PDB file of all heavy atoms in Angstrom:
ATOM      1  N   LEU A   1      79.868  95.359 102.004  1.00  0.00           N
ATOM      2  CA  LEU A   1      80.869  96.274 102.559  1.00  0.00           C
ATOM      3  C   LEU A   1      82.286  95.737 102.428  1.00  0.00           C
ATOM      4  O   LEU A   1      83.154  96.425 101.946  1.00  0.00           O
ATOM      5  CB  LEU A   1      80.609  96.703 103.973  1.00  0.00           C
ATOM      6  CG  LEU A   1      81.493  97.694 104.571  1.00  0.00           C
ATOM      7  CD1 LEU A   1      81.531  99.001 103.767  1.00  0.00           C
ATOM      8  CD2 LEU A   1      81.082  98.009 106.003  1.00  0.00           C
ATOM      9  N   CYS A   2      82.476  94.432 102.754  1.00  0.00           N
ATOM     10  CA  CYS A   2      83.739  93.808 102.605  1.00  0.00           C
ATOM     11  C   CYS A   2      84.169  93.806 101.104  1.00  0.00           C
ATOM     12  O   CYS A   2      85.385  94.119 100.795  1.00  0.00           O
ATOM     13  CB  CYS A   2      83.697  92.388 103.091  1.00  0.00           C
ATOM     14  SG  CYS A   2      83.503  92.283 104.888  1.00  0.00           S
ATOM     15  N   ARG A   3      83.252  93.555 100.229  1.00  0.00           N
ATOM     16  CA  ARG A   3      83.600  93.587  98.799  1.00  0.00           C
ATOM     17  C   ARG A   3      83.979  94.965  98.339  1.00  0.00           C
ATOM     18  O   ARG A   3      85.011  95.196  97.634  1.00  0.00           O
ATOM     19  CB  ARG A   3      82.333  93.053  97.939  1.00  0.00           C
ATOM     20  CG  ARG A   3      82.560  93.254  96.427  1.00  0.00           C
ATOM     21  CD  ARG A   3      81.268  92.808  95.685  1.00  0.00           C
ATOM     22  NE  ARG A   3      80.013  93.457  96.165  1.00  0.00           N
ATOM     23  CZ  ARG A   3      79.677  94.690  95.920  1.00  0.00           C
ATOM     24  NH1 ARG A   3      80.488  95.472  95.171  1.00  0.00           N
ATOM     25  NH2 ARG A   3      78.505  95.163  96.319  1.00  0.00           N
ATOM     26  N   GLU A   4      83.203  95.968  98.792  1.00  0.00           N
ATOM     27  CA  GLU A   4      83.468  97.337  98.354  1.00  0.00           C
ATOM     28  C   GLU A   4      84.775  97.843  98.930  1.00  0.00           C
ATOM     29  O   GLU A   4      85.528  98.590  98.218  1.00  0.00           O
ATOM     30  CB  GLU A   4      82.383  98.278  98.813  1.00  0.00           C
ATOM     31  CG  GLU A   4      81.070  98.084  98.026  1.00  0.00           C
ATOM     32  CD  GLU A   4      81.060  98.832  96.669  1.00  0.00           C
ATOM     33  OE1 GLU A   4      81.991  99.502  96.379  1.00  0.00           O
ATOM     34  OE2 GLU A   4      80.108  98.499  95.936  1.00  0.00           O
ATOM     35  N   ILE A   5      85.097  97.545 100.166  1.00  0.00           N
ATOM     36  CA  ILE A   5      86.385  98.045 100.802  1.00  0.00           C
ATOM     37  C   ILE A   5      87.534  97.356 100.097  1.00  0.00           C
ATOM     38  O   ILE A   5      88.577  98.027  99.874  1.00  0.00           O
ATOM     39  CB  ILE A   5      86.291  97.684 102.307  1.00  0.00           C
ATOM     40  CG1 ILE A   5      85.218  98.502 102.929  1.00  0.00           C
ATOM     41  CG2 ILE A   5      87.651  97.983 102.855  1.00  0.00           C
ATOM     42  CD1 ILE A   5      85.186  99.984 102.649  1.00  0.00           C
ATOM     43  N   ALA A   6      87.427  96.057  99.711  1.00  0.00           N
ATOM     44  CA  ALA A   6      88.537  95.429  98.923  1.00  0.00           C
ATOM     45  C   ALA A   6      88.719  96.169  97.590  1.00  0.00           C
ATOM     46  O   ALA A   6      89.863  96.463  97.159  1.00  0.00           O
ATOM     47  CB  ALA A   6      88.193  93.976  98.674  1.00  0.00           C
ATOM     48  N   GLU A   7      87.657  96.523  96.911  1.00  0.00           N
ATOM     49  CA  GLU A   7      87.753  97.206  95.617  1.00  0.00           C
ATOM     50  C   GLU A   7      88.245  98.614  95.744  1.00  0.00           C
ATOM     51  O   GLU A   7      89.091  99.110  95.001  1.00  0.00           O
ATOM     52  CB  GLU A   7      86.330  97.268  94.939  1.00  0.00           C
ATOM     53  CG  GLU A   7      85.827  95.938  94.472  1.00  0.00           C
ATOM     54  CD  GLU A   7      84.321  95.986  94.125  1.00  0.00           C
ATOM     55  OE1 GLU A   7      83.734  97.086  93.945  1.00  0.00           O
ATOM     56  OE2 GLU A   7      83.794  94.894  93.836  1.00  0.00           O
ATOM     57  N   GLU A   8      87.720  99.421  96.760  1.00  0.00           N
ATOM     58  CA  GLU A   8      87.969 100.881  96.872  1.00  0.00           C
ATOM     59  C   GLU A   8      89.286 101.162  97.604  1.00  0.00           C
ATOM     60  O   GLU A   8      89.807 102.241  97.406  1.00  0.00           O
ATOM     61  CB  GLU A   8      86.797 101.548  97.546  1.00  0.00           C
ATOM     62  CG  GLU A   8      85.568 101.551  96.734  1.00  0.00           C
ATOM     63  CD  GLU A   8      84.455 102.312  97.465  1.00  0.00           C
ATOM     64  OE1 GLU A   8      84.600 102.675  98.648  1.00  0.00           O
ATOM     65  OE2 GLU A   8      83.403 102.485  96.770  1.00  0.00           O
ATOM     66  N   MET A   9      89.679 100.252  98.547  1.00  0.00           N
ATOM     67  CA  MET A   9      90.791 100.642  99.426  1.00  0.00           C
ATOM     68  C   MET A   9      91.814  99.571  99.534  1.00  0.00           C
ATOM     69  O   MET A   9      92.779  99.629 100.418  1.00  0.00           O
ATOM     70  CB  MET A   9      90.204 100.988 100.784  1.00  0.00           C
ATOM     71  CG  MET A   9      89.299 102.176 100.764  1.00  0.00           C
ATOM     72  SD  MET A   9      88.794 102.956 102.365  1.00  0.00           S
ATOM     73  CE  MET A   9      88.663 101.571 103.446  1.00  0.00           C
ATOM     74  N   ASN A  10      91.719  98.475  98.763  1.00  0.00           N
ATOM     75  CA  ASN A  10      92.729  97.382  98.843  1.00  0.00           C
ATOM     76  C   ASN A  10      92.865  96.793 100.254  1.00  0.00           C
ATOM     77  O   ASN A  10      94.023  96.452 100.613  1.00  0.00           O
ATOM     78  CB  ASN A  10      94.059  97.762  98.234  1.00  0.00           C
ATOM     79  CG  ASN A  10      94.011  97.939  96.705  1.00  0.00           C
ATOM     80  OD1 ASN A  10      93.436  96.995  96.090  1.00  0.00           O
ATOM     81  ND2 ASN A  10      94.570  98.938  96.182  1.00  0.00           N
ATOM     82  N   VAL A  11      91.836  96.791 100.965  1.00  0.00           N
ATOM     83  CA  VAL A  11      91.853  96.181 102.349  1.00  0.00           C
ATOM     84  C   VAL A  11      90.920  95.035 102.415  1.00  0.00           C
ATOM     85  O   VAL A  11      89.724  95.079 102.018  1.00  0.00           O
ATOM     86  CB  VAL A  11      91.332  97.260 103.389  1.00  0.00           C
ATOM     87  CG1 VAL A  11      91.165  96.682 104.765  1.00  0.00           C
ATOM     88  CG2 VAL A  11      92.387  98.484 103.405  1.00  0.00           C
ATOM     89  N   MET A  12      91.333  93.895 102.903  1.00  0.00           N
ATOM     90  CA  MET A  12      90.606  92.751 103.091  1.00  0.00           C
ATOM     91  C   MET A  12      90.072  92.646 104.473  1.00  0.00           C
ATOM     92  O   MET A  12      90.866  92.566 105.443  1.00  0.00           O
ATOM     93  CB  MET A  12      91.404  91.423 102.780  1.00  0.00           C
ATOM     94  CG  MET A  12      92.020  91.473 101.363  1.00  0.00           C
ATOM     95  SD  MET A  12      90.752  91.623  99.995  1.00  0.00           S
ATOM     96  CE  MET A  12      89.760  90.182 100.218  1.00  0.00           C
ATOM     97  N   ILE A  13      88.823  92.740 104.613  1.00  0.00           N
ATOM     98  CA  ILE A  13      88.135  92.579 105.889  1.00  0.00           C
ATOM     99  C   ILE A  13      87.036  91.514 105.781  1.00  0.00           C
ATOM    100  O   ILE A  13      86.549  91.216 104.658  1.00  0.00           O
ATOM    101  CB  ILE A  13      87.504  93.876 106.547  1.00  0.00           C
ATOM    102  CG1 ILE A  13      86.539  94.525 105.535  1.00  0.00           C
ATOM    103  CG2 ILE A  13      88.636  94.857 106.901  1.00  0.00           C
ATOM    104  CD1 ILE A  13      85.911  95.740 106.016  1.00  0.00           C
ATOM    105  N   GLN A  14      86.674  90.931 106.875  1.00  0.00           N
ATOM    106  CA  GLN A  14      85.665  89.869 106.930  1.00  0.00           C
ATOM    107  C   GLN A  14      84.457  90.405 107.681  1.00  0.00           C
ATOM    108  O   GLN A  14      84.602  91.248 108.580  1.00  0.00           O
ATOM    109  CB  GLN A  14      86.152  88.607 107.625  1.00  0.00           C
ATOM    110  CG  GLN A  14      87.456  88.024 106.993  1.00  0.00           C
ATOM    111  CD  GLN A  14      87.153  87.606 105.519  1.00  0.00           C
ATOM    112  OE1 GLN A  14      86.129  87.030 105.222  1.00  0.00           O
ATOM    113  NE2 GLN A  14      88.084  87.968 104.619  1.00  0.00           N
ATOM    114  N   PRO A  15      83.243  89.861 107.391  1.00  0.00           N
ATOM    115  CA  PRO A  15      82.058  90.303 108.099  1.00  0.00           C
ATOM    116  C   PRO A  15      82.252  90.233 109.645  1.00  0.00           C
ATOM    117  O   PRO A  15      81.673  91.158 110.382  1.00  0.00           O
ATOM    118  CB  PRO A  15      81.030  89.327 107.620  1.00  0.00           C
ATOM    119  CG  PRO A  15      81.340  89.016 106.244  1.00  0.00           C
ATOM    120  CD  PRO A  15      82.928  88.930 106.354  1.00  0.00           C
ATOM    121  N   GLY A  16      82.910  89.280 110.133  1.00  0.00           N
ATOM    122  CA  GLY A  16      83.241  89.236 111.595  1.00  0.00           C
ATOM    123  C   GLY A  16      84.101  90.285 112.135  1.00  0.00           C
ATOM    124  O   GLY A  16      84.132  90.458 113.334  1.00  0.00           O
ATOM    125  N   ASP A  17      84.771  91.039 111.278  1.00  0.00           N
ATOM    126  CA  ASP A  17      85.532  92.189 111.652  1.00  0.00           C
ATOM    127  C   ASP A  17      84.772  93.470 111.915  1.00  0.00           C
ATOM    128  O   ASP A  17      85.241  94.449 112.451  1.00  0.00           O
ATOM    129  CB  ASP A  17      86.607  92.559 110.650  1.00  0.00           C
ATOM    130  CG  ASP A  17      87.615  91.486 110.304  1.00  0.00           C
ATOM    131  OD1 ASP A  17      87.893  90.614 111.263  1.00  0.00           O
ATOM    132  OD2 ASP A  17      88.129  91.378 109.226  1.00  0.00           O
ATOM    133  N   LEU A  18      83.489  93.334 111.533  1.00  0.00           N
ATOM    134  CA  LEU A  18      82.586  94.567 111.513  1.00  0.00           C
ATOM    135  C   LEU A  18      81.625  94.553 112.701  1.00  0.00           C
ATOM    136  O   LEU A  18      81.096  93.510 113.015  1.00  0.00           O
ATOM    137  CB  LEU A  18      81.847  94.620 110.186  1.00  0.00           C
ATOM    138  CG  LEU A  18      82.610  94.644 108.912  1.00  0.00           C
ATOM    139  CD1 LEU A  18      81.779  94.560 107.721  1.00  0.00           C
ATOM    140  CD2 LEU A  18      83.414  96.003 108.875  1.00  0.00           C
ATOM    141  N   GLU A  19      81.369  95.717 113.314  1.00  0.00           N
ATOM    142  CA  GLU A  19      80.393  95.921 114.336  1.00  0.00           C
ATOM    143  C   GLU A  19      79.355  96.891 113.853  1.00  0.00           C
ATOM    144  O   GLU A  19      79.702  98.061 113.410  1.00  0.00           O
ATOM    145  CB  GLU A  19      81.006  96.380 115.660  1.00  0.00           C
ATOM    146  CG  GLU A  19      80.051  96.712 116.709  1.00  0.00           C
ATOM    147  CD  GLU A  19      80.641  97.373 117.945  1.00  0.00           C
ATOM    148  OE1 GLU A  19      81.925  97.499 117.949  1.00  0.00           O
ATOM    149  OE2 GLU A  19      79.934  97.813 118.783  1.00  0.00           O
ATOM    150  N   PHE A  20      78.092  96.501 113.840  1.00  0.00           N
ATOM    151  CA  PHE A  20      77.005  97.406 113.354  1.00  0.00           C
ATOM    152  C   PHE A  20      77.071  98.618 114.236  1.00  0.00           C
ATOM    153  O   PHE A  20      77.106  98.505 115.451  1.00  0.00           O
ATOM    154  CB  PHE A  20      75.698  96.739 113.460  1.00  0.00           C
ATOM    155  CG  PHE A  20      74.569  97.630 112.939  1.00  0.00           C
ATOM    156  CD1 PHE A  20      74.355  97.890 111.687  1.00  0.00           C
ATOM    157  CD2 PHE A  20      73.732  98.329 113.855  1.00  0.00           C
ATOM    158  CE1 PHE A  20      73.356  98.780 111.148  1.00  0.00           C
ATOM    159  CE2 PHE A  20      72.735  99.181 113.444  1.00  0.00           C
ATOM    160  CZ  PHE A  20      72.580  99.379 112.124  1.00  0.00           C
ATOM    161  N   TYR A  21      77.012  99.832 113.669  1.00  0.00           N
ATOM    162  CA  TYR A  21      76.994 101.070 114.371  1.00  0.00           C
ATOM    163  C   TYR A  21      75.668 101.750 114.392  1.00  0.00           C
ATOM    164  O   TYR A  21      75.032 102.091 115.388  1.00  0.00           O
ATOM    165  CB  TYR A  21      78.119 101.992 113.892  1.00  0.00           C
ATOM    166  CG  TYR A  21      78.132 103.413 114.503  1.00  0.00           C
ATOM    167  CD1 TYR A  21      78.358 103.537 115.778  1.00  0.00           C
ATOM    168  CD2 TYR A  21      77.889 104.518 113.802  1.00  0.00           C
ATOM    169  CE1 TYR A  21      78.410 104.804 116.478  1.00  0.00           C
ATOM    170  CE2 TYR A  21      77.887 105.742 114.329  1.00  0.00           C
ATOM    171  CZ  TYR A  21      78.164 105.906 115.650  1.00  0.00           C
ATOM    172  OH  TYR A  21      78.141 107.142 116.254  1.00  0.00           O
ATOM    173  N   THR A  22      75.143 102.023 113.171  1.00  0.00           N
ATOM    174  CA  THR A  22      73.871 102.735 113.008  1.00  0.00           C
ATOM    175  C   THR A  22      73.389 102.527 111.539  1.00  0.00           C
ATOM    176  O   THR A  22      74.074 102.081 110.713  1.00  0.00           O
ATOM    177  CB  THR A  22      73.986 104.260 113.384  1.00  0.00           C
ATOM    178  OG1 THR A  22      72.706 104.777 113.502  1.00  0.00           O
ATOM    179  CG2 THR A  22      74.796 104.999 112.337  1.00  0.00           C
ATOM    180  N   HIS A  23      72.172 102.954 111.351  1.00  0.00           N
ATOM    181  CA  HIS A  23      71.587 103.040 110.065  1.00  0.00           C
ATOM    182  C   HIS A  23      71.229 104.527 109.740  1.00  0.00           C
ATOM    183  O   HIS A  23      70.600 105.173 110.602  1.00  0.00           O
ATOM    184  CB  HIS A  23      70.299 102.242 109.924  1.00  0.00           C
ATOM    185  CG  HIS A  23      69.644 102.165 108.659  1.00  0.00           C
ATOM    186  ND1 HIS A  23      70.022 101.402 107.612  1.00  0.00           N
ATOM    187  CD2 HIS A  23      68.665 103.072 108.122  1.00  0.00           C
ATOM    188  CE1 HIS A  23      69.222 101.719 106.559  1.00  0.00           C
ATOM    189  NE2 HIS A  23      68.381 102.715 106.832  1.00  0.00           N
ATOM    190  N   ILE A  24      71.549 104.962 108.564  1.00  0.00           N
ATOM    191  CA  ILE A  24      71.171 106.354 108.149  1.00  0.00           C
ATOM    192  C   ILE A  24      70.283 106.370 106.913  1.00  0.00           C
ATOM    193  O   ILE A  24      70.487 105.438 106.034  1.00  0.00           O
ATOM    194  CB  ILE A  24      72.379 107.335 108.017  1.00  0.00           C
ATOM    195  CG1 ILE A  24      73.328 106.801 107.007  1.00  0.00           C
ATOM    196  CG2 ILE A  24      73.056 107.461 109.369  1.00  0.00           C
ATOM    197  CD1 ILE A  24      74.397 107.824 106.665  1.00  0.00           C
ATOM    198  N   SER A  25      69.438 107.279 106.751  1.00  0.00           N
ATOM    199  CA  SER A  25      68.695 107.544 105.552  1.00  0.00           C
ATOM    200  C   SER A  25      68.994 108.939 105.139  1.00  0.00           C
ATOM    201  O   SER A  25      68.812 109.847 105.908  1.00  0.00           O
ATOM    202  CB  SER A  25      67.181 107.408 105.833  1.00  0.00           C
ATOM    203  OG  SER A  25      66.896 106.111 106.173  1.00  0.00           O
ATOM    204  N   ALA A  26      69.409 109.157 103.911  1.00  0.00           N
ATOM    205  CA  ALA A  26      69.685 110.459 103.421  1.00  0.00           C
ATOM    206  C   ALA A  26      69.562 110.560 101.911  1.00  0.00           C
ATOM    207  O   ALA A  26      69.556 109.575 101.244  1.00  0.00           O
ATOM    208  CB  ALA A  26      71.135 110.821 103.839  1.00  0.00           C
ATOM    209  N   ALA A  27      69.455 111.827 101.402  1.00  0.00           N
ATOM    210  CA  ALA A  27      69.444 111.990  99.951  1.00  0.00           C
ATOM    211  C   ALA A  27      70.771 111.454  99.428  1.00  0.00           C
ATOM    212  O   ALA A  27      71.814 111.621  99.966  1.00  0.00           O
ATOM    213  CB  ALA A  27      69.335 113.504  99.621  1.00  0.00           C
ATOM    214  N   ALA A  28      70.675 110.681  98.384  1.00  0.00           N
ATOM    215  CA  ALA A  28      71.811 109.987  97.778  1.00  0.00           C
ATOM    216  C   ALA A  28      72.594 111.053  96.876  1.00  0.00           C
ATOM    217  O   ALA A  28      72.170 111.340  95.807  1.00  0.00           O
ATOM    218  CB  ALA A  28      71.424 108.683  96.945  1.00  0.00           C
ATOM    219  N   TYR A  29      73.729 111.430  97.387  1.00  0.00           N
ATOM    220  CA  TYR A  29      74.541 112.435  96.704  1.00  0.00           C
ATOM    221  C   TYR A  29      75.061 111.844  95.337  1.00  0.00           C
ATOM    222  O   TYR A  29      75.480 110.762  95.231  1.00  0.00           O
ATOM    223  CB  TYR A  29      75.761 112.778  97.489  1.00  0.00           C
ATOM    224  CG  TYR A  29      76.578 113.832  96.907  1.00  0.00           C
ATOM    225  CD1 TYR A  29      76.349 115.187  97.016  1.00  0.00           C
ATOM    226  CD2 TYR A  29      77.601 113.522  95.964  1.00  0.00           C
ATOM    227  CE1 TYR A  29      77.057 116.210  96.492  1.00  0.00           C
ATOM    228  CE2 TYR A  29      78.435 114.495  95.351  1.00  0.00           C
ATOM    229  CZ  TYR A  29      78.105 115.802  95.534  1.00  0.00           C
ATOM    230  OH  TYR A  29      78.839 116.769  94.949  1.00  0.00           O
ATOM    231  N   GLY A  30      74.838 112.610  94.255  1.00  0.00           N
ATOM    232  CA  GLY A  30      75.350 112.276  92.931  1.00  0.00           C
ATOM    233  C   GLY A  30      74.479 111.291  92.185  1.00  0.00           C
ATOM    234  O   GLY A  30      74.876 110.748  91.183  1.00  0.00           O
TER     235      GLY A  30
END
């Protein structure tokens, strides 16, 4: 997620900045 956010939104975050919220399973759009 940190890697993707840096690529997609030019935001540098660290794993320690993140709090697990939930897990979802869904049809993968596209």
